[in-house]
Amino acid sequence: MTDSADRRLTHLPAAATRLGAVLARPKVVAVACIVVVTVLGWLYLGFIIGTMGGPSAELGPGMGALDFLPRAVNAICSPTFGLGMPHGAWGVAGFALVALMWGAMTLAMMLPTAGPMIFTYAEIADTAARKGEGIVSPFALAAGYAAIWLGFAALATLAQFALTRLALIDESMASASGLFSGAIFIGAGLYQFSALKHACLTQCRQPFPFFFSNWATTPRGVFRLGVKQGVFCLGCCWAMMLVMFAVGVMNVIWMAGLGIVMTIEKIGSGKRFTHGVGVFLILAGVAFIVSSLAAHWPVR
């Protein structure tokens, strides 16, 4: 912070002066933004899961593991109170609940994957601040990025409503059809090999050239940078996010796993990892379909 800025803060209480100094450091703001929003998202998802009825295993593959958690954690994360979604009309409250759930899910899963992009902006802004140049808080960048994924959450809410009406998703928000789950897995796996996937992934992996050629010094401009990066991220990860419909919308085991996979992809793991994930998703989809067909036409 410059001397003139220090003088402008001398009339403030010491605590306010220290807060202003912290908020003027882009890297600190970037870390706080990612950590706080991500933690709040996961906490909200834990609360929602705690209000859903039925055994944990009914929420999707792998969720039965919650039953083996320590009692205190299981009491928070395991479903206990019975707020499953109906097959009929949801009403305003039902739409609001699902929209908030998808919003929390997308922020909890996708904001950590945006860490390299936000940190890159923070490093550039920090360098600019040391030179006395004007900068915009990383909050504006993160807000633009989050706006894209909140839009995705709204569309996912409408998709879940339609799938529920078609009886492809049951009251616990888990898939009710092995064929449906298999189709989603195979579609997501094939997308891992697409040119669009790799084009968007390249943009996500190389944020510095993007900021270098599109740098902005106004809040609106930085917000737009976040929107553009959000679009790249959406193009990279939308198919994998749809896997949640196949494994259970509230399946936190798969949420965490997919979040880790998408983060590794954006760090720069290379095509081999991305293609390997694609092969796994395709094989998982085939397994879902074979299992479903075997259940309907058992071998005698």
C-alpha atoms as a PDB file:
ATOM      1  CA  MET A   1       0.000   0.000   0.000  1.00  0.00           C
ATOM      2  CA  THR A   2       1.334   3.448  -0.896  1.00  0.00           C
ATOM      3  CA  ASP A   3       2.092   6.260   1.575  1.00  0.00           C
ATOM      4  CA  SER A   4      -0.880   8.239   0.328  1.00  0.00           C
ATOM      5  CA  ALA A   5      -3.122   5.242   0.935  1.00  0.00           C
ATOM      6  CA  ASP A   6      -1.703   4.892   4.434  1.00  0.00           C
ATOM      7  CA  ARG A   7      -2.528   8.543   5.153  1.00  0.00           C
ATOM      8  CA  ARG A   8      -6.078   8.041   3.939  1.00  0.00           C
ATOM      9  CA  LEU A   9      -6.516   5.273   6.496  1.00  0.00           C
ATOM     10  CA  THR A  10      -5.090   7.138   9.493  1.00  0.00           C
ATOM     11  CA  HIS A  11      -8.525   8.401  10.547  1.00  0.00           C
ATOM     12  CA  LEU A  12      -9.854   4.835  10.812  1.00  0.00           C
ATOM     13  CA  PRO A  13      -9.633   2.548  13.865  1.00  0.00           C
ATOM     14  CA  ALA A  14      -6.622   0.247  13.956  1.00  0.00           C
ATOM     15  CA  ALA A  15      -8.749  -2.837  13.218  1.00  0.00           C
ATOM     16  CA  ALA A  16     -10.286  -1.172  10.154  1.00  0.00           C
ATOM     17  CA  THR A  17      -6.837  -0.106   8.955  1.00  0.00           C
ATOM     18  CA  ARG A  18      -5.550  -3.674   9.239  1.00  0.00           C
ATOM     19  CA  LEU A  19      -8.655  -4.979   7.426  1.00  0.00           C
ATOM     20  CA  GLY A  20      -8.103  -2.486   4.617  1.00  0.00           C
ATOM     21  CA  ALA A  21      -4.488  -3.583   4.314  1.00  0.00           C
ATOM     22  CA  VAL A  22      -5.522  -7.235   4.089  1.00  0.00           C
ATOM     23  CA  LEU A  23      -8.228  -6.550   1.483  1.00  0.00           C
ATOM     24  CA  ALA A  24      -5.659  -4.701  -0.603  1.00  0.00           C
ATOM     25  CA  ARG A  25      -3.652  -7.907  -1.004  1.00  0.00           C
ATOM     26  CA  PRO A  26      -5.115  -9.827  -3.985  1.00  0.00           C
ATOM     27  CA  LYS A  27      -3.587 -13.194  -3.040  1.00  0.00           C
ATOM     28  CA  VAL A  28      -5.139 -13.102   0.447  1.00  0.00           C
ATOM     29  CA  VAL A  29      -8.523 -12.181  -1.015  1.00  0.00           C
ATOM     30  CA  ALA A  30      -8.252 -14.980  -3.600  1.00  0.00           C
ATOM     31  CA  VAL A  31      -7.488 -17.646  -0.997  1.00  0.00           C
ATOM     32  CA  ALA A  32     -10.251 -16.404   1.316  1.00  0.00           C
ATOM     33  CA  CYS A  33     -12.751 -16.352  -1.553  1.00  0.00           C
ATOM     34  CA  ILE A  34     -12.066 -19.937  -2.583  1.00  0.00           C
ATOM     35  CA  VAL A  35     -11.858 -21.385   0.928  1.00  0.00           C
ATOM     36  CA  VAL A  36     -14.866 -19.619   2.439  1.00  0.00           C
ATOM     37  CA  VAL A  37     -17.287 -20.191  -0.444  1.00  0.00           C
ATOM     38  CA  THR A  38     -16.203 -23.813  -0.908  1.00  0.00           C
ATOM     39  CA  VAL A  39     -16.551 -24.611   2.804  1.00  0.00           C
ATOM     40  CA  LEU A  40     -19.968 -22.949   2.960  1.00  0.00           C
ATOM     41  CA  GLY A  41     -21.075 -24.959  -0.074  1.00  0.00           C
ATOM     42  CA  TRP A  42     -20.029 -28.278   1.453  1.00  0.00           C
ATOM     43  CA  LEU A  43     -21.585 -27.373   4.814  1.00  0.00           C
ATOM     44  CA  TYR A  44     -24.874 -26.572   3.136  1.00  0.00           C
ATOM     45  CA  LEU A  45     -24.792 -29.826   1.180  1.00  0.00           C
ATOM     46  CA  GLY A  46     -24.134 -31.715   4.429  1.00  0.00           C
ATOM     47  CA  PHE A  47     -27.147 -30.035   5.986  1.00  0.00           C
ATOM     48  CA  ILE A  48     -29.375 -30.908   3.025  1.00  0.00           C
ATOM     49  CA  ILE A  49     -28.261 -34.541   3.103  1.00  0.00           C
ATOM     50  CA  GLY A  50     -29.030 -34.595   6.810  1.00  0.00           C
ATOM     51  CA  THR A  51     -32.650 -33.638   6.063  1.00  0.00           C
ATOM     52  CA  MET A  52     -33.293 -36.420   3.560  1.00  0.00           C
ATOM     53  CA  GLY A  53     -35.026 -39.615   4.525  1.00  0.00           C
ATOM     54  CA  GLY A  54     -33.930 -43.215   4.046  1.00  0.00           C
ATOM     55  CA  PRO A  55     -30.635 -45.087   4.378  1.00  0.00           C
ATOM     56  CA  SER A  56     -27.481 -43.463   3.018  1.00  0.00           C
ATOM     57  CA  ALA A  57     -27.060 -46.193   0.395  1.00  0.00           C
ATOM     58  CA  GLU A  58     -30.298 -45.085  -1.298  1.00  0.00           C
ATOM     59  CA  LEU A  59     -28.644 -41.791  -2.307  1.00  0.00           C
ATOM     60  CA  GLY A  60     -26.408 -43.503  -4.856  1.00  0.00           C
ATOM     61  CA  PRO A  61     -23.354 -45.747  -5.339  1.00  0.00           C
ATOM     62  CA  GLY A  62     -20.801 -45.410  -2.556  1.00  0.00           C
ATOM     63  CA  MET A  63     -23.024 -43.442  -0.182  1.00  0.00           C
ATOM     64  CA  GLY A  64     -23.403 -46.463   2.083  1.00  0.00           C
ATOM     65  CA  ALA A  65     -19.896 -45.600   3.298  1.00  0.00           C
ATOM     66  CA  LEU A  66     -21.435 -42.804   5.381  1.00  0.00           C
ATOM     67  CA  ASP A  67     -22.920 -45.437   7.679  1.00  0.00           C
ATOM     68  CA  PHE A  68     -19.390 -46.352   8.769  1.00  0.00           C
ATOM     69  CA  LEU A  69     -18.393 -42.831   9.759  1.00  0.00           C
ATOM     70  CA  PRO A  70     -17.988 -41.927  13.435  1.00  0.00           C
ATOM     71  CA  ARG A  71     -21.353 -41.373  15.107  1.00  0.00           C
ATOM     72  CA  ALA A  72     -20.978 -37.583  15.408  1.00  0.00           C
ATOM     73  CA  VAL A  73     -20.135 -37.152  11.711  1.00  0.00           C
ATOM     74  CA  ASN A  74     -22.734 -39.663  10.609  1.00  0.00           C
ATOM     75  CA  ALA A  75     -25.404 -37.774  12.532  1.00  0.00           C
ATOM     76  CA  ILE A  76     -24.653 -34.704  10.401  1.00  0.00           C
ATOM     77  CA  CYS A  77     -24.069 -36.310   7.009  1.00  0.00           C
ATOM     78  CA  SER A  78     -26.459 -39.259   6.996  1.00  0.00           C
ATOM     79  CA  PRO A  79     -30.105 -38.734   6.026  1.00  0.00           C
ATOM     80  CA  THR A  80     -32.395 -38.674   9.056  1.00  0.00           C
ATOM     81  CA  PHE A  81     -35.363 -36.316   8.787  1.00  0.00           C
ATOM     82  CA  GLY A  82     -37.169 -37.210   5.565  1.00  0.00           C
ATOM     83  CA  LEU A  83     -37.260 -34.348   3.040  1.00  0.00           C
ATOM     84  CA  GLY A  84     -37.121 -36.330  -0.183  1.00  0.00           C
ATOM     85  CA  MET A  85     -38.474 -34.672  -3.317  1.00  0.00           C
ATOM     86  CA  PRO A  86     -41.882 -35.782  -4.626  1.00  0.00           C
ATOM     87  CA  HIS A  87     -42.535 -37.122  -8.119  1.00  0.00           C
ATOM     88  CA  GLY A  88     -45.371 -34.665  -8.652  1.00  0.00           C
ATOM     89  CA  ALA A  89     -45.453 -30.892  -8.467  1.00  0.00           C
ATOM     90  CA  TRP A  90     -42.601 -29.487  -6.437  1.00  0.00           C
ATOM     91  CA  GLY A  91     -44.030 -26.081  -5.740  1.00  0.00           C
ATOM     92  CA  VAL A  92     -42.008 -22.913  -5.138  1.00  0.00           C
ATOM     93  CA  ALA A  93     -40.340 -24.341  -2.026  1.00  0.00           C
ATOM     94  CA  GLY A  94     -39.282 -27.487  -3.869  1.00  0.00           C
ATOM     95  CA  PHE A  95     -37.728 -25.564  -6.752  1.00  0.00           C
ATOM     96  CA  ALA A  96     -35.970 -23.214  -4.328  1.00  0.00           C
ATOM     97  CA  LEU A  97     -34.542 -26.134  -2.346  1.00  0.00           C
ATOM     98  CA  VAL A  98     -33.221 -27.927  -5.429  1.00  0.00           C
ATOM     99  CA  ALA A  99     -31.865 -24.708  -6.944  1.00  0.00           C
ATOM    100  CA  LEU A 100     -29.998 -23.867  -3.726  1.00  0.00           C
ATOM    101  CA  MET A 101     -28.700 -27.423  -3.588  1.00  0.00           C
ATOM    102  CA  TRP A 102     -27.371 -27.285  -7.163  1.00  0.00           C
ATOM    103  CA  GLY A 103     -25.920 -23.851  -6.525  1.00  0.00           C
ATOM    104  CA  ALA A 104     -24.054 -25.078  -3.462  1.00  0.00           C
ATOM    105  CA  MET A 105     -22.942 -28.206  -5.327  1.00  0.00           C
ATOM    106  CA  THR A 106     -21.536 -26.349  -8.322  1.00  0.00           C
ATOM    107  CA  LEU A 107     -19.669 -23.832  -6.160  1.00  0.00           C
ATOM    108  CA  ALA A 108     -18.340 -26.542  -3.829  1.00  0.00           C
ATOM    109  CA  MET A 109     -17.131 -28.663  -6.751  1.00  0.00           C
ATOM    110  CA  MET A 110     -16.083 -26.070  -9.330  1.00  0.00           C
ATOM    111  CA  LEU A 111     -14.631 -23.147  -7.362  1.00  0.00           C
ATOM    112  CA  PRO A 112     -11.610 -25.219  -6.192  1.00  0.00           C
ATOM    113  CA  THR A 113     -10.955 -26.189  -9.825  1.00  0.00           C
ATOM    114  CA  ALA A 114     -10.773 -22.471 -10.620  1.00  0.00           C
ATOM    115  CA  GLY A 115      -8.023 -21.999  -8.041  1.00  0.00           C
ATOM    116  CA  PRO A 116      -5.137 -21.829 -10.573  1.00  0.00           C
ATOM    117  CA  MET A 117      -7.024 -19.252 -12.646  1.00  0.00           C
ATOM    118  CA  ILE A 118      -7.921 -17.062  -9.650  1.00  0.00           C
ATOM    119  CA  PHE A 119      -4.405 -17.322  -8.189  1.00  0.00           C
ATOM    120  CA  THR A 120      -2.895 -16.349 -11.562  1.00  0.00           C
ATOM    121  CA  TYR A 121      -5.057 -13.234 -11.656  1.00  0.00           C
ATOM    122  CA  ALA A 122      -4.154 -12.481  -8.020  1.00  0.00           C
ATOM    123  CA  GLU A 123      -0.426 -12.746  -8.769  1.00  0.00           C
ATOM    124  CA  ILE A 124      -0.703 -10.363 -11.722  1.00  0.00           C
ATOM    125  CA  ALA A 125      -2.839  -7.965  -9.679  1.00  0.00           C
ATOM    126  CA  ASP A 126      -0.421  -8.169  -6.760  1.00  0.00           C
ATOM    127  CA  THR A 127       2.462  -7.209  -9.036  1.00  0.00           C
ATOM    128  CA  ALA A 128       0.426  -4.323 -10.431  1.00  0.00           C
ATOM    129  CA  ALA A 129      -0.461  -3.130  -6.932  1.00  0.00           C
ATOM    130  CA  ARG A 130       3.207  -3.042  -5.943  1.00  0.00           C
ATOM    131  CA  LYS A 131       3.851  -0.781  -8.924  1.00  0.00           C
ATOM    132  CA  GLY A 132       1.089   1.549  -7.770  1.00  0.00           C
ATOM    133  CA  GLU A 133      -1.234   0.609 -10.631  1.00  0.00           C
ATOM    134  CA  GLY A 134      -4.989   0.327 -10.230  1.00  0.00           C
ATOM    135  CA  ILE A 135      -6.353  -3.181  -9.648  1.00  0.00           C
ATOM    136  CA  VAL A 136      -9.705  -4.842  -9.103  1.00  0.00           C
ATOM    137  CA  SER A 137     -10.364  -7.346  -6.309  1.00  0.00           C
ATOM    138  CA  PRO A 138     -10.374 -11.049  -7.277  1.00  0.00           C
ATOM    139  CA  PHE A 139     -13.934 -11.074  -5.901  1.00  0.00           C
ATOM    140  CA  ALA A 140     -15.078  -9.541  -9.205  1.00  0.00           C
ATOM    141  CA  LEU A 141     -13.338 -12.300 -11.172  1.00  0.00           C
ATOM    142  CA  ALA A 142     -14.763 -15.046  -8.943  1.00  0.00           C
ATOM    143  CA  ALA A 143     -18.228 -13.486  -9.171  1.00  0.00           C
ATOM    144  CA  GLY A 144     -18.177 -13.622 -12.964  1.00  0.00           C
ATOM    145  CA  TYR A 145     -16.975 -17.232 -12.866  1.00  0.00           C
ATOM    146  CA  ALA A 146     -19.623 -18.181 -10.298  1.00  0.00           C
ATOM    147  CA  ALA A 147     -22.371 -16.512 -12.351  1.00  0.00           C
ATOM    148  CA  ILE A 148     -21.848 -19.019 -15.173  1.00  0.00           C
ATOM    149  CA  TRP A 149     -22.036 -21.991 -12.837  1.00  0.00           C
ATOM    150  CA  LEU A 150     -25.064 -20.620 -11.005  1.00  0.00           C
ATOM    151  CA  GLY A 151     -26.704 -20.389 -14.430  1.00  0.00           C
ATOM    152  CA  PHE A 152     -25.792 -24.046 -14.946  1.00  0.00           C
ATOM    153  CA  ALA A 153     -27.344 -24.798 -11.534  1.00  0.00           C
ATOM    154  CA  ALA A 154     -30.605 -23.190 -12.650  1.00  0.00           C
ATOM    155  CA  LEU A 155     -30.673 -25.309 -15.818  1.00  0.00           C
ATOM    156  CA  ALA A 156     -29.797 -28.426 -13.807  1.00  0.00           C
ATOM    157  CA  THR A 157     -32.742 -27.703 -11.513  1.00  0.00           C
ATOM    158  CA  LEU A 158     -35.116 -27.644 -14.491  1.00  0.00           C
ATOM    159  CA  ALA A 159     -33.508 -30.822 -15.841  1.00  0.00           C
ATOM    160  CA  GLN A 160     -33.975 -32.564 -12.491  1.00  0.00           C
ATOM    161  CA  PHE A 161     -37.639 -31.545 -12.440  1.00  0.00           C
ATOM    162  CA  ALA A 162     -38.130 -33.022 -15.922  1.00  0.00           C
ATOM    163  CA  LEU A 163     -36.253 -36.218 -15.056  1.00  0.00           C
ATOM    164  CA  THR A 164     -38.288 -36.603 -11.870  1.00  0.00           C
ATOM    165  CA  ARG A 165     -41.536 -36.246 -13.797  1.00  0.00           C
ATOM    166  CA  LEU A 166     -40.276 -38.921 -16.207  1.00  0.00           C
ATOM    167  CA  ALA A 167     -39.533 -41.194 -13.214  1.00  0.00           C
ATOM    168  CA  LEU A 168     -35.849 -41.426 -14.164  1.00  0.00           C
ATOM    169  CA  ILE A 169     -34.929 -39.941 -10.767  1.00  0.00           C
ATOM    170  CA  ASP A 170     -36.603 -41.199  -7.601  1.00  0.00           C
ATOM    171  CA  GLU A 171     -37.630 -39.446  -4.378  1.00  0.00           C
ATOM    172  CA  SER A 172     -34.118 -39.671  -2.907  1.00  0.00           C
ATOM    173  CA  MET A 173     -32.811 -37.899  -6.039  1.00  0.00           C
ATOM    174  CA  ALA A 174     -30.980 -41.037  -7.150  1.00  0.00           C
ATOM    175  CA  SER A 175     -31.218 -42.559 -10.616  1.00  0.00           C
ATOM    176  CA  ALA A 176     -34.159 -44.920 -11.031  1.00  0.00           C
ATOM    177  CA  SER A 177     -32.865 -46.475 -14.264  1.00  0.00           C
ATOM    178  CA  GLY A 178     -29.646 -48.324 -14.933  1.00  0.00           C
ATOM    179  CA  LEU A 179     -30.040 -47.644 -18.668  1.00  0.00           C
ATOM    180  CA  PHE A 180     -30.356 -43.913 -17.967  1.00  0.00           C
ATOM    181  CA  SER A 181     -27.272 -43.946 -15.740  1.00  0.00           C
ATOM    182  CA  GLY A 182     -25.320 -45.924 -18.306  1.00  0.00           C
ATOM    183  CA  ALA A 183     -26.214 -43.505 -21.100  1.00  0.00           C
ATOM    184  CA  ILE A 184     -25.017 -40.514 -19.042  1.00  0.00           C
ATOM    185  CA  PHE A 185     -21.735 -42.230 -18.158  1.00  0.00           C
ATOM    186  CA  ILE A 186     -21.055 -43.226 -21.766  1.00  0.00           C
ATOM    187  CA  GLY A 187     -21.935 -39.728 -23.028  1.00  0.00           C
ATOM    188  CA  ALA A 188     -19.626 -38.110 -20.464  1.00  0.00           C
ATOM    189  CA  GLY A 189     -16.875 -40.578 -21.342  1.00  0.00           C
ATOM    190  CA  LEU A 190     -17.114 -39.887 -25.059  1.00  0.00           C
ATOM    191  CA  TYR A 191     -16.998 -36.136 -24.408  1.00  0.00           C
ATOM    192  CA  GLN A 192     -13.587 -36.609 -22.790  1.00  0.00           C
ATOM    193  CA  PHE A 193     -12.219 -37.329 -26.283  1.00  0.00           C
ATOM    194  CA  SER A 194     -13.919 -34.407 -28.045  1.00  0.00           C
ATOM    195  CA  ALA A 195     -12.103 -31.437 -29.587  1.00  0.00           C
ATOM    196  CA  LEU A 196     -14.343 -28.994 -27.677  1.00  0.00           C
ATOM    197  CA  LYS A 197     -13.394 -30.584 -24.371  1.00  0.00           C
ATOM    198  CA  HIS A 198      -9.681 -30.223 -25.065  1.00  0.00           C
ATOM    199  CA  ALA A 199     -10.018 -26.681 -26.456  1.00  0.00           C
ATOM    200  CA  CYS A 200     -11.802 -25.521 -23.292  1.00  0.00           C
ATOM    201  CA  LEU A 201      -9.430 -27.477 -21.072  1.00  0.00           C
ATOM    202  CA  THR A 202      -6.454 -25.769 -22.726  1.00  0.00           C
ATOM    203  CA  GLN A 203      -7.917 -22.362 -21.889  1.00  0.00           C
ATOM    204  CA  CYS A 204      -8.469 -23.453 -18.275  1.00  0.00           C
ATOM    205  CA  ARG A 205      -4.892 -24.742 -17.984  1.00  0.00           C
ATOM    206  CA  GLN A 206      -3.280 -21.602 -19.405  1.00  0.00           C
ATOM    207  CA  PRO A 207      -4.919 -18.602 -17.696  1.00  0.00           C
ATOM    208  CA  PHE A 208      -1.839 -16.352 -17.902  1.00  0.00           C
ATOM    209  CA  PRO A 209      -1.944 -15.807 -21.712  1.00  0.00           C
ATOM    210  CA  PHE A 210      -5.680 -15.167 -21.411  1.00  0.00           C
ATOM    211  CA  PHE A 211      -5.220 -12.472 -18.766  1.00  0.00           C
ATOM    212  CA  PHE A 212      -2.211 -11.025 -20.566  1.00  0.00           C
ATOM    213  CA  SER A 213      -4.206 -10.455 -23.747  1.00  0.00           C
ATOM    214  CA  ASN A 214      -7.515  -9.495 -22.069  1.00  0.00           C
ATOM    215  CA  TRP A 215      -6.382  -7.552 -18.987  1.00  0.00           C
ATOM    216  CA  ALA A 216      -8.966  -5.170 -17.523  1.00  0.00           C
ATOM    217  CA  THR A 217      -8.751  -2.550 -14.794  1.00  0.00           C
ATOM    218  CA  THR A 218     -12.443  -1.944 -14.096  1.00  0.00           C
ATOM    219  CA  PRO A 219     -14.808  -4.106 -11.982  1.00  0.00           C
ATOM    220  CA  ARG A 220     -17.063  -4.666 -14.987  1.00  0.00           C
ATOM    221  CA  GLY A 221     -14.118  -5.689 -17.138  1.00  0.00           C
ATOM    222  CA  VAL A 222     -12.747  -8.130 -14.562  1.00  0.00           C
ATOM    223  CA  PHE A 223     -16.239  -9.547 -14.033  1.00  0.00           C
ATOM    224  CA  ARG A 224     -16.360 -10.232 -17.772  1.00  0.00           C
ATOM    225  CA  LEU A 225     -13.004 -11.989 -17.550  1.00  0.00           C
ATOM    226  CA  GLY A 226     -14.526 -14.245 -14.902  1.00  0.00           C
ATOM    227  CA  VAL A 227     -17.537 -14.897 -17.120  1.00  0.00           C
ATOM    228  CA  LYS A 228     -15.308 -15.891 -20.043  1.00  0.00           C
ATOM    229  CA  GLN A 229     -13.267 -18.218 -17.856  1.00  0.00           C
ATOM    230  CA  GLY A 230     -16.505 -19.641 -16.481  1.00  0.00           C
ATOM    231  CA  VAL A 231     -17.658 -20.410 -20.027  1.00  0.00           C
ATOM    232  CA  PHE A 232     -14.379 -22.223 -20.729  1.00  0.00           C
ATOM    233  CA  CYS A 233     -14.767 -24.180 -17.512  1.00  0.00           C
ATOM    234  CA  LEU A 234     -18.377 -25.044 -18.339  1.00  0.00           C
ATOM    235  CA  GLY A 235     -17.322 -26.279 -21.763  1.00  0.00           C
ATOM    236  CA  CYS A 236     -14.698 -28.424 -20.089  1.00  0.00           C
ATOM    237  CA  CYS A 237     -16.730 -29.920 -17.250  1.00  0.00           C
ATOM    238  CA  TRP A 238     -20.473 -29.845 -17.999  1.00  0.00           C
ATOM    239  CA  ALA A 239     -20.662 -33.483 -19.105  1.00  0.00           C
ATOM    240  CA  MET A 240     -18.874 -34.725 -16.000  1.00  0.00           C
ATOM    241  CA  MET A 241     -21.214 -32.668 -13.823  1.00  0.00           C
ATOM    242  CA  LEU A 242     -24.188 -34.433 -15.416  1.00  0.00           C
ATOM    243  CA  VAL A 243     -22.798 -37.707 -14.042  1.00  0.00           C
ATOM    244  CA  MET A 244     -24.385 -36.609 -10.757  1.00  0.00           C
ATOM    245  CA  PHE A 245     -27.772 -37.443 -12.277  1.00  0.00           C
ATOM    246  CA  ALA A 246     -26.532 -40.986 -12.837  1.00  0.00           C
ATOM    247  CA  VAL A 247     -24.997 -41.629  -9.414  1.00  0.00           C
ATOM    248  CA  GLY A 248     -27.422 -39.625  -7.275  1.00  0.00           C
ATOM    249  CA  VAL A 249     -27.712 -35.862  -7.118  1.00  0.00           C
ATOM    250  CA  MET A 250     -26.801 -35.809  -3.415  1.00  0.00           C
ATOM    251  CA  ASN A 251     -24.026 -38.397  -3.640  1.00  0.00           C
ATOM    252  CA  VAL A 252     -21.226 -36.544  -1.821  1.00  0.00           C
ATOM    253  CA  ILE A 253     -18.787 -39.412  -2.426  1.00  0.00           C
ATOM    254  CA  TRP A 254     -19.017 -38.884  -6.184  1.00  0.00           C
ATOM    255  CA  MET A 255     -19.141 -35.094  -5.755  1.00  0.00           C
ATOM    256  CA  ALA A 256     -15.772 -35.175  -4.020  1.00  0.00           C
ATOM    257  CA  GLY A 257     -14.320 -37.681  -6.493  1.00  0.00           C
ATOM    258  CA  LEU A 258     -15.425 -35.770  -9.581  1.00  0.00           C
ATOM    259  CA  GLY A 259     -14.239 -32.511  -8.053  1.00  0.00           C
ATOM    260  CA  ILE A 260     -10.779 -33.998  -7.523  1.00  0.00           C
ATOM    261  CA  VAL A 261     -10.688 -35.383 -11.071  1.00  0.00           C
ATOM    262  CA  MET A 262     -11.671 -32.042 -12.615  1.00  0.00           C
ATOM    263  CA  THR A 263      -9.096 -30.221 -10.496  1.00  0.00           C
ATOM    264  CA  ILE A 264      -6.339 -32.618 -11.616  1.00  0.00           C
ATOM    265  CA  GLU A 265      -7.377 -32.096 -15.244  1.00  0.00           C
ATOM    266  CA  LYS A 266      -7.058 -28.326 -14.948  1.00  0.00           C
ATOM    267  CA  ILE A 267      -3.698 -28.433 -13.178  1.00  0.00           C
ATOM    268  CA  GLY A 268      -2.223 -29.825 -16.373  1.00  0.00           C
ATOM    269  CA  SER A 269      -2.328 -33.611 -16.254  1.00  0.00           C
ATOM    270  CA  GLY A 270      -2.212 -34.047 -20.029  1.00  0.00           C
ATOM    271  CA  LYS A 271      -4.399 -35.891 -22.520  1.00  0.00           C
ATOM    272  CA  ARG A 272      -3.483 -39.299 -21.152  1.00  0.00           C
ATOM    273  CA  PHE A 273      -5.263 -38.616 -17.858  1.00  0.00           C
ATOM    274  CA  THR A 274      -8.285 -37.054 -19.579  1.00  0.00           C
ATOM    275  CA  HIS A 275      -8.598 -39.998 -21.961  1.00  0.00           C
ATOM    276  CA  GLY A 276      -8.138 -42.442 -19.092  1.00  0.00           C
ATOM    277  CA  VAL A 277     -11.045 -40.819 -17.269  1.00  0.00           C
ATOM    278  CA  GLY A 278     -13.061 -41.121 -20.461  1.00  0.00           C
ATOM    279  CA  VAL A 279     -12.346 -44.845 -20.733  1.00  0.00           C
ATOM    280  CA  PHE A 280     -13.341 -45.338 -17.079  1.00  0.00           C
ATOM    281  CA  LEU A 281     -16.618 -43.473 -17.576  1.00  0.00           C
ATOM    282  CA  ILE A 282     -17.466 -45.468 -20.700  1.00  0.00           C
ATOM    283  CA  LEU A 283     -16.735 -48.795 -18.988  1.00  0.00           C
ATOM    284  CA  ALA A 284     -18.789 -47.726 -15.967  1.00  0.00           C
ATOM    285  CA  GLY A 285     -21.661 -46.844 -18.287  1.00  0.00           C
ATOM    286  CA  VAL A 286     -21.487 -50.231 -19.992  1.00  0.00           C
ATOM    287  CA  ALA A 287     -21.489 -51.901 -16.571  1.00  0.00           C
ATOM    288  CA  PHE A 288     -24.640 -49.968 -15.581  1.00  0.00           C
ATOM    289  CA  ILE A 289     -26.411 -51.017 -18.777  1.00  0.00           C
ATOM    290  CA  VAL A 290     -25.351 -54.677 -18.551  1.00  0.00           C
ATOM    291  CA  SER A 291     -26.427 -54.810 -14.905  1.00  0.00           C
ATOM    292  CA  SER A 292     -29.787 -53.277 -15.745  1.00  0.00           C
ATOM    293  CA  LEU A 293     -30.404 -55.654 -18.633  1.00  0.00           C
ATOM    294  CA  ALA A 294     -29.359 -58.642 -16.523  1.00  0.00           C
ATOM    295  CA  ALA A 295     -31.845 -57.601 -13.829  1.00  0.00           C
ATOM    296  CA  HIS A 296     -34.692 -57.471 -16.362  1.00  0.00           C
ATOM    297  CA  TRP A 297     -33.719 -60.608 -18.287  1.00  0.00           C
ATOM    298  CA  PRO A 298     -31.880 -62.882 -15.846  1.00  0.00           C
ATOM    299  CA  VAL A 299     -29.996 -65.809 -17.315  1.00  0.00           C
ATOM    300  CA  ARG A 300     -31.782 -69.092 -16.578  1.00  0.00           C
END
